[in-house]
């Protein structure tokens, strides 16, 4: 096991045995802690295993969503917008609630962040220390 695998295993260990896959729950936890890169890494394990399955585009969209915030953290505004667009394209294939996540709300969040970026013509980063979105499952 390499160090990346060990880190991911540690991040998801506390989520094993729950109603959703531990990697999916670990993604949500990392995302909500503003650990956007880590959330991407955690969910990538699940996406790689299921990318050809019915949830492949869903997981890919969530990875792209987190990736957009990685770009914002690094002040790369246009790449962030590009990933928001890719995430939207993947997530809009799913019903309003999927895997317990309010997809419709997540799509609204994407539109808000894209709008904020476009309103300043990519000259101001809308991400601050206090305004990052949070993702919650409907039953949590």
Foldseek 3Di string as FASTA:
>chain_A
DDPLVVVLCVLQVVVPPDPDHSLQVSLQVCVQVVVLVSSLSSLVVVLVVDLVHPCNLVSVLSSLQSVLSVCLVVLNNVSSLVSLVSSLVSLVVDDCADPQWRSVVVNVVSVVLNCVCVVVPNPDRPDDPPDRDHTDGNVD
